[in-house]
Amino acid sequence: MDGYVEVFEYLRHYDKHDLQKIIFSDRYQHPYIYALLVNRLSPIAWQGGILNIFEFHPVKSGDYVQEKTLVVATPEDELPERAADEIILGADGSARFYVYLPQAK
């Protein structure tokens, strides 16, 4: 799916030591498959909990204001209150994913 590899590459290089969780929208497909692919992890590692920092479900407006939480949303998730910190574009130039970094408290 267009944009998945790019967004997981972005997340792979993001410093996660201060994060409690990453909420990733599952509106398009099964995003955990791309997390495994980009990070070169086996499905056995997934079942063992190696991606336990991730939650895969539709994003709600209250998700990106949670402390120590990074959110990856789609345009369909409709989060109008705050501008995204990073926008991942598809091959056609349209927005595929919006990344909301944790807000400083």
PDB file of N, CA and C in Angstrom:
ATOM      1  N   MET A   1       0.851  -1.185   0.000  1.00  0.00           N
ATOM      2  CA  MET A   1       0.000   0.000   0.000  1.00  0.00           C
ATOM      3  C   MET A   1       0.886   1.235   0.000  1.00  0.00           C
ATOM      4  N   ASP A   2       0.512   2.147  -0.786  1.00  0.00           N
ATOM      5  CA  ASP A   2       1.229   3.396  -0.985  1.00  0.00           C
ATOM      6  C   ASP A   2       1.443   4.152   0.333  1.00  0.00           C
ATOM      7  N   GLY A   3       2.691   4.414   0.669  1.00  0.00           N
ATOM      8  CA  GLY A   3       3.013   5.209   1.845  1.00  0.00           C
ATOM      9  C   GLY A   3       3.390   4.411   3.079  1.00  0.00           C
ATOM     10  N   TYR A   4       3.032   3.139   3.134  1.00  0.00           N
ATOM     11  CA  TYR A   4       3.334   2.340   4.328  1.00  0.00           C
ATOM     12  C   TYR A   4       4.834   2.209   4.578  1.00  0.00           C
ATOM     13  N   VAL A   5       5.587   1.853   3.552  1.00  0.00           N
ATOM     14  CA  VAL A   5       7.032   1.691   3.734  1.00  0.00           C
ATOM     15  C   VAL A   5       7.647   3.011   4.184  1.00  0.00           C
ATOM     16  N   GLU A   6       7.224   4.109   3.572  1.00  0.00           N
ATOM     17  CA  GLU A   6       7.780   5.420   3.919  1.00  0.00           C
ATOM     18  C   GLU A   6       7.483   5.803   5.369  1.00  0.00           C
ATOM     19  N   VAL A   7       6.272   5.566   5.827  1.00  0.00           N
ATOM     20  CA  VAL A   7       5.936   5.954   7.199  1.00  0.00           C
ATOM     21  C   VAL A   7       6.652   5.057   8.210  1.00  0.00           C
ATOM     22  N   PHE A   8       6.801   3.778   7.912  1.00  0.00           N
ATOM     23  CA  PHE A   8       7.527   2.915   8.847  1.00  0.00           C
ATOM     24  C   PHE A   8       9.029   3.185   8.817  1.00  0.00           C
ATOM     25  N   GLU A   9       9.565   3.607   7.680  1.00  0.00           N
ATOM     26  CA  GLU A   9      10.968   4.052   7.646  1.00  0.00           C
ATOM     27  C   GLU A   9      11.135   5.288   8.528  1.00  0.00           C
ATOM     28  N   TYR A  10      10.193   6.216   8.451  1.00  0.00           N
ATOM     29  CA  TYR A  10      10.228   7.407   9.306  1.00  0.00           C
ATOM     30  C   TYR A  10      10.210   6.987  10.780  1.00  0.00           C
ATOM     31  N   LEU A  11       9.323   6.095  11.137  1.00  0.00           N
ATOM     32  CA  LEU A  11       9.215   5.646  12.526  1.00  0.00           C
ATOM     33  C   LEU A  11      10.449   4.875  12.976  1.00  0.00           C
ATOM     34  N   ARG A  12      11.040   4.126  12.061  1.00  0.00           N
ATOM     35  CA  ARG A  12      12.228   3.332  12.407  1.00  0.00           C
ATOM     36  C   ARG A  12      13.367   4.226  12.864  1.00  0.00           C
ATOM     37  N   HIS A  13      13.460   5.407  12.287  1.00  0.00           N
ATOM     38  CA  HIS A  13      14.550   6.326  12.610  1.00  0.00           C
ATOM     39  C   HIS A  13      14.172   7.332  13.688  1.00  0.00           C
ATOM     40  N   TYR A  14      12.941   7.295  14.150  1.00  0.00           N
ATOM     41  CA  TYR A  14      12.500   8.212  15.203  1.00  0.00           C
ATOM     42  C   TYR A  14      12.953   7.667  16.561  1.00  0.00           C
ATOM     43  N   ASP A  15      13.487   8.538  17.414  1.00  0.00           N
ATOM     44  CA  ASP A  15      13.953   8.139  18.743  1.00  0.00           C
ATOM     45  C   ASP A  15      12.751   7.828  19.633  1.00  0.00           C
ATOM     46  N   LYS A  16      12.566   6.558  19.958  1.00  0.00           N
ATOM     47  CA  LYS A  16      11.375   6.118  20.678  1.00  0.00           C
ATOM     48  C   LYS A  16      11.589   5.970  22.185  1.00  0.00           C
ATOM     49  N   HIS A  17      12.735   6.356  22.708  1.00  0.00           N
ATOM     50  CA  HIS A  17      13.019   6.063  24.119  1.00  0.00           C
ATOM     51  C   HIS A  17      12.076   6.769  25.091  1.00  0.00           C
ATOM     52  N   ASP A  18      11.464   7.874  24.698  1.00  0.00           N
ATOM     53  CA  ASP A  18      10.530   8.574  25.580  1.00  0.00           C
ATOM     54  C   ASP A  18       9.065   8.253  25.282  1.00  0.00           C
ATOM     55  N   LEU A  19       8.821   7.351  24.352  1.00  0.00           N
ATOM     56  CA  LEU A  19       7.441   7.022  23.984  1.00  0.00           C
ATOM     57  C   LEU A  19       6.888   5.890  24.842  1.00  0.00           C
ATOM     58  N   GLN A  20       5.607   5.997  25.170  1.00  0.00           N
ATOM     59  CA  GLN A  20       4.911   4.879  25.809  1.00  0.00           C
ATOM     60  C   GLN A  20       4.176   4.045  24.767  1.00  0.00           C
ATOM     61  N   LYS A  21       3.696   4.727  23.707  1.00  0.00           N
ATOM     62  CA  LYS A  21       3.012   3.974  22.661  1.00  0.00           C
ATOM     63  C   LYS A  21       2.969   4.757  21.359  1.00  0.00           C
ATOM     64  N   ILE A  22       2.745   3.991  20.301  1.00  0.00           N
ATOM     65  CA  ILE A  22       2.511   4.535  18.967  1.00  0.00           C
ATOM     66  C   ILE A  22       1.147   4.011  18.538  1.00  0.00           C
ATOM     67  N   ILE A  23       0.226   4.926  18.311  1.00  0.00           N
ATOM     68  CA  ILE A  23      -1.097   4.542  17.818  1.00  0.00           C
ATOM     69  C   ILE A  23      -1.077   4.716  16.306  1.00  0.00           C
ATOM     70  N   PHE A  24      -1.344   3.638  15.594  1.00  0.00           N
ATOM     71  CA  PHE A  24      -1.252   3.627  14.136  1.00  0.00           C
ATOM     72  C   PHE A  24      -2.612   3.232  13.572  1.00  0.00           C
ATOM     73  N   SER A  25      -3.162   4.082  12.729  1.00  0.00           N
ATOM     74  CA  SER A  25      -4.472   3.816  12.132  1.00  0.00           C
ATOM     75  C   SER A  25      -4.443   2.544  11.293  1.00  0.00           C
ATOM     76  N   ASP A  26      -5.479   1.744  11.430  1.00  0.00           N
ATOM     77  CA  ASP A  26      -5.599   0.544  10.603  1.00  0.00           C
ATOM     78  C   ASP A  26      -6.696   0.705   9.551  1.00  0.00           C
ATOM     79  N   ARG A  27      -6.968   1.932   9.162  1.00  0.00           N
ATOM     80  CA  ARG A  27      -8.060   2.200   8.209  1.00  0.00           C
ATOM     81  C   ARG A  27      -7.815   1.594   6.831  1.00  0.00           C
ATOM     82  N   TYR A  28      -6.558   1.503   6.392  1.00  0.00           N
ATOM     83  CA  TYR A  28      -6.298   1.006   5.036  1.00  0.00           C
ATOM     84  C   TYR A  28      -6.216  -0.516   4.986  1.00  0.00           C
ATOM     85  N   GLN A  29      -5.300  -1.081   5.715  1.00  0.00           N
ATOM     86  CA  GLN A  29      -5.077  -2.526   5.685  1.00  0.00           C
ATOM     87  C   GLN A  29      -4.507  -2.949   7.020  1.00  0.00           C
ATOM     88  N   HIS A  30      -3.735  -3.983   7.033  1.00  0.00           N
ATOM     89  CA  HIS A  30      -3.105  -4.496   8.248  1.00  0.00           C
ATOM     90  C   HIS A  30      -1.704  -3.893   8.370  1.00  0.00           C
ATOM     91  N   PRO A  31      -1.555  -2.778   9.059  1.00  0.00           N
ATOM     92  CA  PRO A  31      -0.267  -2.079   9.084  1.00  0.00           C
ATOM     93  C   PRO A  31       0.856  -2.841   9.769  1.00  0.00           C
ATOM     94  N   TYR A  32       0.530  -3.757  10.660  1.00  0.00           N
ATOM     95  CA  TYR A  32       1.598  -4.476  11.353  1.00  0.00           C
ATOM     96  C   TYR A  32       2.456  -5.283  10.381  1.00  0.00           C
ATOM     97  N   ILE A  33       1.890  -5.700   9.259  1.00  0.00           N
ATOM     98  CA  ILE A  33       2.655  -6.438   8.252  1.00  0.00           C
ATOM     99  C   ILE A  33       3.789  -5.567   7.717  1.00  0.00           C
ATOM    100  N   TYR A  34       3.510  -4.292   7.478  1.00  0.00           N
ATOM    101  CA  TYR A  34       4.537  -3.377   6.990  1.00  0.00           C
ATOM    102  C   TYR A  34       5.549  -3.060   8.083  1.00  0.00           C
ATOM    103  N   ALA A  35       5.108  -3.018   9.334  1.00  0.00           N
ATOM    104  CA  ALA A  35       6.043  -2.817  10.449  1.00  0.00           C
ATOM    105  C   ALA A  35       7.045  -3.963  10.488  1.00  0.00           C
ATOM    106  N   LEU A  36       6.570  -5.179  10.301  1.00  0.00           N
ATOM    107  CA  LEU A  36       7.461  -6.334  10.277  1.00  0.00           C
ATOM    108  C   LEU A  36       8.398  -6.280   9.082  1.00  0.00           C
ATOM    109  N   LEU A  37       7.876  -5.952   7.913  1.00  0.00           N
ATOM    110  CA  LEU A  37       8.669  -5.895   6.688  1.00  0.00           C
ATOM    111  C   LEU A  37       9.783  -4.858   6.788  1.00  0.00           C
ATOM    112  N   VAL A  38       9.447  -3.636   7.146  1.00  0.00           N
ATOM    113  CA  VAL A  38      10.431  -2.552   7.181  1.00  0.00           C
ATOM    114  C   VAL A  38      11.486  -2.797   8.256  1.00  0.00           C
ATOM    115  N   ASN A  39      11.075  -3.364   9.384  1.00  0.00           N
ATOM    116  CA  ASN A  39      12.017  -3.613  10.475  1.00  0.00           C
ATOM    117  C   ASN A  39      12.686  -4.981  10.388  1.00  0.00           C
ATOM    118  N   ARG A  40      12.374  -5.713   9.313  1.00  0.00           N
ATOM    119  CA  ARG A  40      12.951  -7.034   9.058  1.00  0.00           C
ATOM    120  C   ARG A  40      12.751  -7.979  10.242  1.00  0.00           C
ATOM    121  N   LEU A  41      11.509  -8.062  10.676  1.00  0.00           N
ATOM    122  CA  LEU A  41      11.134  -8.914  11.799  1.00  0.00           C
ATOM    123  C   LEU A  41      10.278 -10.074  11.305  1.00  0.00           C
ATOM    124  N   SER A  42      10.353 -11.182  11.982  1.00  0.00           N
ATOM    125  CA  SER A  42       9.544 -12.337  11.596  1.00  0.00           C
ATOM    126  C   SER A  42       8.169 -12.262  12.259  1.00  0.00           C
ATOM    127  N   PRO A  43       7.188 -12.931  11.678  1.00  0.00           N
ATOM    128  CA  PRO A  43       5.871 -12.995  12.321  1.00  0.00           C
ATOM    129  C   PRO A  43       5.938 -13.611  13.721  1.00  0.00           C
ATOM    130  N   ILE A  44       6.905 -14.472  13.947  1.00  0.00           N
ATOM    131  CA  ILE A  44       7.075 -15.061  15.281  1.00  0.00           C
ATOM    132  C   ILE A  44       7.439 -13.972  16.284  1.00  0.00           C
ATOM    133  N   ALA A  45       8.276 -13.027  15.871  1.00  0.00           N
ATOM    134  CA  ALA A  45       8.634 -11.904  16.747  1.00  0.00           C
ATOM    135  C   ALA A  45       7.398 -11.063  17.057  1.00  0.00           C
ATOM    136  N   TRP A  46       6.518 -10.881  16.060  1.00  0.00           N
ATOM    137  CA  TRP A  46       5.264 -10.131  16.272  1.00  0.00           C
ATOM    138  C   TRP A  46       4.416 -10.829  17.332  1.00  0.00           C
ATOM    139  N   GLN A  47       4.260 -12.128  17.192  1.00  0.00           N
ATOM    140  CA  GLN A  47       3.460 -12.875  18.162  1.00  0.00           C
ATOM    141  C   GLN A  47       4.097 -12.859  19.547  1.00  0.00           C
ATOM    142  N   GLY A  48       5.416 -12.712  19.586  1.00  0.00           N
ATOM    143  CA  GLY A  48       6.126 -12.649  20.858  1.00  0.00           C
ATOM    144  C   GLY A  48       6.070 -11.282  21.517  1.00  0.00           C
ATOM    145  N   GLY A  49       5.485 -10.299  20.832  1.00  0.00           N
ATOM    146  CA  GLY A  49       5.292  -8.986  21.436  1.00  0.00           C
ATOM    147  C   GLY A  49       6.367  -7.962  21.144  1.00  0.00           C
ATOM    148  N   ILE A  50       7.178  -8.177  20.114  1.00  0.00           N
ATOM    149  CA  ILE A  50       8.273  -7.251  19.835  1.00  0.00           C
ATOM    150  C   ILE A  50       7.778  -5.852  19.465  1.00  0.00           C
ATOM    151  N   LEU A  51       6.573  -5.757  18.946  1.00  0.00           N
ATOM    152  CA  LEU A  51       6.007  -4.450  18.592  1.00  0.00           C
ATOM    153  C   LEU A  51       4.977  -4.003  19.630  1.00  0.00           C
ATOM    154  N   ASN A  52       5.209  -4.326  20.886  1.00  0.00           N
ATOM    155  CA  ASN A  52       4.206  -4.042  21.912  1.00  0.00           C
ATOM    156  C   ASN A  52       3.984  -2.557  22.161  1.00  0.00           C
ATOM    157  N   ILE A  53       4.845  -1.698  21.664  1.00  0.00           N
ATOM    158  CA  ILE A  53       4.641  -0.253  21.787  1.00  0.00           C
ATOM    159  C   ILE A  53       3.548   0.227  20.821  1.00  0.00           C
ATOM    160  N   PHE A  54       3.248  -0.568  19.790  1.00  0.00           N
ATOM    161  CA  PHE A  54       2.261  -0.194  18.778  1.00  0.00           C
ATOM    162  C   PHE A  54       0.854  -0.626  19.177  1.00  0.00           C
ATOM    163  N   GLU A  55      -0.113   0.247  18.849  1.00  0.00           N
ATOM    164  CA  GLU A  55      -1.533  -0.099  18.890  1.00  0.00           C
ATOM    165  C   GLU A  55      -2.075   0.181  17.495  1.00  0.00           C
ATOM    166  N   PHE A  56      -2.717  -0.791  16.889  1.00  0.00           N
ATOM    167  CA  PHE A  56      -3.262  -0.645  15.546  1.00  0.00           C
ATOM    168  C   PHE A  56      -4.785  -0.622  15.628  1.00  0.00           C
ATOM    169  N   HIS A  57      -5.368   0.556  15.413  1.00  0.00           N
ATOM    170  CA  HIS A  57      -6.825   0.717  15.427  1.00  0.00           C
ATOM    171  C   HIS A  57      -7.161   2.089  14.849  1.00  0.00           C
ATOM    172  N   PRO A  58      -8.434   2.351  14.520  1.00  0.00           N
ATOM    173  CA  PRO A  58      -8.793   3.685  14.031  1.00  0.00           C
ATOM    174  C   PRO A  58      -8.426   4.745  15.071  1.00  0.00           C
ATOM    175  N   VAL A  59      -7.917   5.858  14.594  1.00  0.00           N
ATOM    176  CA  VAL A  59      -7.467   6.940  15.473  1.00  0.00           C
ATOM    177  C   VAL A  59      -8.650   7.824  15.851  1.00  0.00           C
ATOM    178  N   LYS A  60      -8.692   8.193  17.128  1.00  0.00           N
ATOM    179  CA  LYS A  60      -9.715   9.117  17.628  1.00  0.00           C
ATOM    180  C   LYS A  60      -9.044  10.440  17.980  1.00  0.00           C
ATOM    181  N   SER A  61      -9.824  11.502  18.041  1.00  0.00           N
ATOM    182  CA  SER A  61      -9.254  12.833  18.269  1.00  0.00           C
ATOM    183  C   SER A  61      -8.508  12.938  19.593  1.00  0.00           C
ATOM    184  N   GLY A  62      -8.885  12.187  20.596  1.00  0.00           N
ATOM    185  CA  GLY A  62      -8.192  12.257  21.875  1.00  0.00           C
ATOM    186  C   GLY A  62      -6.868  11.513  21.913  1.00  0.00           C
ATOM    187  N   ASP A  63      -6.592  10.710  20.887  1.00  0.00           N
ATOM    188  CA  ASP A  63      -5.374   9.898  20.891  1.00  0.00           C
ATOM    189  C   ASP A  63      -4.101  10.733  20.833  1.00  0.00           C
ATOM    190  N   TYR A  64      -4.092  11.767  20.008  1.00  0.00           N
ATOM    191  CA  TYR A  64      -2.833  12.481  19.816  1.00  0.00           C
ATOM    192  C   TYR A  64      -2.540  13.509  20.900  1.00  0.00           C
ATOM    193  N   VAL A  65      -3.397  13.631  21.887  1.00  0.00           N
ATOM    194  CA  VAL A  65      -3.095  14.510  23.020  1.00  0.00           C
ATOM    195  C   VAL A  65      -2.652  13.697  24.237  1.00  0.00           C
ATOM    196  N   GLN A  66      -2.582  12.384  24.097  1.00  0.00           N
ATOM    197  CA  GLN A  66      -2.100  11.551  25.190  1.00  0.00           C
ATOM    198  C   GLN A  66      -0.600  11.768  25.375  1.00  0.00           C
ATOM    199  N   GLU A  67      -0.182  11.759  26.609  1.00  0.00           N
ATOM    200  CA  GLU A  67       1.223  11.973  26.931  1.00  0.00           C
ATOM    201  C   GLU A  67       2.080  10.816  26.410  1.00  0.00           C
ATOM    202  N   LYS A  68       3.242  11.162  25.868  1.00  0.00           N
ATOM    203  CA  LYS A  68       4.232  10.195  25.381  1.00  0.00           C
ATOM    204  C   LYS A  68       3.660   9.246  24.330  1.00  0.00           C
ATOM    205  N   THR A  69       2.783   9.786  23.478  1.00  0.00           N
ATOM    206  CA  THR A  69       2.133   8.988  22.442  1.00  0.00           C
ATOM    207  C   THR A  69       2.347   9.629  21.083  1.00  0.00           C
ATOM    208  N   LEU A  70       2.858   8.847  20.146  1.00  0.00           N
ATOM    209  CA  LEU A  70       2.992   9.265  18.756  1.00  0.00           C
ATOM    210  C   LEU A  70       1.820   8.646  18.007  1.00  0.00           C
ATOM    211  N   VAL A  71       1.202   9.418  17.119  1.00  0.00           N
ATOM    212  CA  VAL A  71       0.025   8.943  16.389  1.00  0.00           C
ATOM    213  C   VAL A  71       0.285   9.021  14.888  1.00  0.00           C
ATOM    214  N   VAL A  72      -0.073   7.952  14.191  1.00  0.00           N
ATOM    215  CA  VAL A  72      -0.039   7.931  12.728  1.00  0.00           C
ATOM    216  C   VAL A  72      -1.481   7.756  12.267  1.00  0.00           C
ATOM    217  N   ALA A  73      -2.007   8.785  11.621  1.00  0.00           N
ATOM    218  CA  ALA A  73      -3.403   8.791  11.183  1.00  0.00           C
ATOM    219  C   ALA A  73      -3.476   8.845   9.659  1.00  0.00           C
ATOM    220  N   THR A  74      -4.656   8.565   9.139  1.00  0.00           N
ATOM    221  CA  THR A  74      -4.917   8.707   7.710  1.00  0.00           C
ATOM    222  C   THR A  74      -5.827   9.915   7.512  1.00  0.00           C
ATOM    223  N   PRO A  75      -5.969  10.397   6.288  1.00  0.00           N
ATOM    224  CA  PRO A  75      -6.919  11.490   6.053  1.00  0.00           C
ATOM    225  C   PRO A  75      -8.344  11.122   6.479  1.00  0.00           C
ATOM    226  N   GLU A  76      -8.692   9.859   6.414  1.00  0.00           N
ATOM    227  CA  GLU A  76     -10.027   9.412   6.810  1.00  0.00           C
ATOM    228  C   GLU A  76     -10.262   9.502   8.315  1.00  0.00           C
ATOM    229  N   ASP A  77      -9.201   9.578   9.095  1.00  0.00           N
ATOM    230  CA  ASP A  77      -9.352   9.679  10.545  1.00  0.00           C
ATOM    231  C   ASP A  77      -9.826  11.059  10.980  1.00  0.00           C
ATOM    232  N   GLU A  78      -9.687  12.057  10.122  1.00  0.00           N
ATOM    233  CA  GLU A  78     -10.228  13.404  10.343  1.00  0.00           C
ATOM    234  C   GLU A  78      -9.872  13.976  11.715  1.00  0.00           C
ATOM    235  N   LEU A  79      -8.626  14.391  11.852  1.00  0.00           N
ATOM    236  CA  LEU A  79      -8.152  15.011  13.085  1.00  0.00           C
ATOM    237  C   LEU A  79      -7.864  16.486  12.813  1.00  0.00           C
ATOM    238  N   PRO A  80      -8.869  17.342  12.869  1.00  0.00           N
ATOM    239  CA  PRO A  80      -8.710  18.724  12.420  1.00  0.00           C
ATOM    240  C   PRO A  80      -8.069  19.684  13.417  1.00  0.00           C
ATOM    241  N   GLU A  81      -8.033  19.343  14.695  1.00  0.00           N
ATOM    242  CA  GLU A  81      -7.645  20.332  15.689  1.00  0.00           C
ATOM    243  C   GLU A  81      -6.178  20.726  15.656  1.00  0.00           C
ATOM    244  N   ARG A  82      -5.324  19.868  15.212  1.00  0.00           N
ATOM    245  CA  ARG A  82      -3.888  20.128  15.257  1.00  0.00           C
ATOM    246  C   ARG A  82      -3.253  19.735  13.934  1.00  0.00           C
ATOM    247  N   ALA A  83      -2.354  20.580  13.452  1.00  0.00           N
ATOM    248  CA  ALA A  83      -1.645  20.269  12.214  1.00  0.00           C
ATOM    249  C   ALA A  83      -0.669  19.120  12.459  1.00  0.00           C
ATOM    250  N   ALA A  84      -0.535  18.252  11.483  1.00  0.00           N
ATOM    251  CA  ALA A  84       0.391  17.129  11.597  1.00  0.00           C
ATOM    252  C   ALA A  84       1.828  17.637  11.617  1.00  0.00           C
ATOM    253  N   ASP A  85       2.685  16.910  12.330  1.00  0.00           N
ATOM    254  CA  ASP A  85       4.103  17.258  12.386  1.00  0.00           C
ATOM    255  C   ASP A  85       4.844  16.763  11.153  1.00  0.00           C
ATOM    256  N   GLU A  86       4.339  15.717  10.546  1.00  0.00           N
ATOM    257  CA  GLU A  86       4.945  15.147   9.343  1.00  0.00           C
ATOM    258  C   GLU A  86       3.821  14.593   8.484  1.00  0.00           C
ATOM    259  N   ILE A  87       3.927  14.802   7.178  1.00  0.00           N
ATOM    260  CA  ILE A  87       2.935  14.268   6.242  1.00  0.00           C
ATOM    261  C   ILE A  87       3.659  13.330   5.289  1.00  0.00           C
ATOM    262  N   ILE A  88       3.185  12.102   5.210  1.00  0.00           N
ATOM    263  CA  ILE A  88       3.748  11.110   4.300  1.00  0.00           C
ATOM    264  C   ILE A  88       2.871  11.094   3.053  1.00  0.00           C
ATOM    265  N   LEU A  89       3.497  11.355   1.914  1.00  0.00           N
ATOM    266  CA  LEU A  89       2.764  11.446   0.651  1.00  0.00           C
ATOM    267  C   LEU A  89       2.795  10.129  -0.106  1.00  0.00           C
ATOM    268  N   GLY A  90       1.773   9.910  -0.898  1.00  0.00           N
ATOM    269  CA  GLY A  90       1.723   8.763  -1.785  1.00  0.00           C
ATOM    270  C   GLY A  90       2.415   9.087  -3.098  1.00  0.00           C
ATOM    271  N   ALA A  91       2.490   8.112  -3.975  1.00  0.00           N
ATOM    272  CA  ALA A  91       3.143   8.291  -5.271  1.00  0.00           C
ATOM    273  C   ALA A  91       2.464   9.366  -6.108  1.00  0.00           C
ATOM    274  N   ASP A  92       1.173   9.572  -5.893  1.00  0.00           N
ATOM    275  CA  ASP A  92       0.442  10.585  -6.652  1.00  0.00           C
ATOM    276  C   ASP A  92       0.522  11.975  -6.016  1.00  0.00           C
ATOM    277  N   GLY A  93       1.263  12.100  -4.918  1.00  0.00           N
ATOM    278  CA  GLY A  93       1.425  13.398  -4.258  1.00  0.00           C
ATOM    279  C   GLY A  93       0.368  13.713  -3.219  1.00  0.00           C
ATOM    280  N   SER A  94      -0.594  12.828  -3.044  1.00  0.00           N
ATOM    281  CA  SER A  94      -1.634  13.078  -2.039  1.00  0.00           C
ATOM    282  C   SER A  94      -1.170  12.573  -0.668  1.00  0.00           C
ATOM    283  N   ALA A  95      -1.728  13.154   0.381  1.00  0.00           N
ATOM    284  CA  ALA A  95      -1.379  12.751   1.743  1.00  0.00           C
ATOM    285  C   ALA A  95      -1.909  11.346   2.017  1.00  0.00           C
ATOM    286  N   ARG A  96      -1.050  10.474   2.501  1.00  0.00           N
ATOM    287  CA  ARG A  96      -1.445   9.109   2.864  1.00  0.00           C
ATOM    288  C   ARG A  96      -1.491   8.928   4.377  1.00  0.00           C
ATOM    289  N   PHE A  97      -0.492   9.528   5.073  1.00  0.00           N
ATOM    290  CA  PHE A  97      -0.424   9.407   6.524  1.00  0.00           C
ATOM    291  C   PHE A  97      -0.035  10.734   7.137  1.00  0.00           C
ATOM    292  N   TYR A  98      -0.598  11.017   8.305  1.00  0.00           N
ATOM    293  CA  TYR A  98      -0.238  12.187   9.102  1.00  0.00           C
ATOM    294  C   TYR A  98       0.407  11.684  10.390  1.00  0.00           C
ATOM    295  N   VAL A  99       1.593  12.205  10.693  1.00  0.00           N
ATOM    296  CA  VAL A  99       2.301  11.821  11.910  1.00  0.00           C
ATOM    297  C   VAL A  99       2.176  12.958  12.916  1.00  0.00           C
ATOM    298  N   TYR A 100       1.687  12.623  14.093  1.00  0.00           N
ATOM    299  CA  TYR A 100       1.553  13.579  15.195  1.00  0.00           C
ATOM    300  C   TYR A 100       2.538  13.173  16.283  1.00  0.00           C
ATOM    301  N   LEU A 101       3.565  13.984  16.474  1.00  0.00           N
ATOM    302  CA  LEU A 101       4.567  13.702  17.494  1.00  0.00           C
ATOM    303  C   LEU A 101       4.013  14.050  18.867  1.00  0.00           C
ATOM    304  N   PRO A 102       4.579  13.452  19.912  1.00  0.00           N
ATOM    305  CA  PRO A 102       4.104  13.776  21.262  1.00  0.00           C
ATOM    306  C   PRO A 102       4.281  15.261  21.554  1.00  0.00           C
ATOM    307  N   GLN A 103       3.296  15.840  22.200  1.00  0.00           N
ATOM    308  CA  GLN A 103       3.384  17.248  22.565  1.00  0.00           C
ATOM    309  C   GLN A 103       4.177  17.378  23.854  1.00  0.00           C
ATOM    310  N   ALA A 104       5.008  18.405  23.908  1.00  0.00           N
ATOM    311  CA  ALA A 104       5.780  18.664  25.123  1.00  0.00           C
ATOM    312  C   ALA A 104       4.834  19.072  26.238  1.00  0.00           C
ATOM    313  N   LYS A 105       5.052  18.529  27.396  1.00  0.00           N
ATOM    314  CA  LYS A 105       4.207  18.867  28.551  1.00  0.00           C
ATOM    315  C   LYS A 105       5.006  19.675  29.533  1.00  0.00           C
TER     316      LYS A 105
END
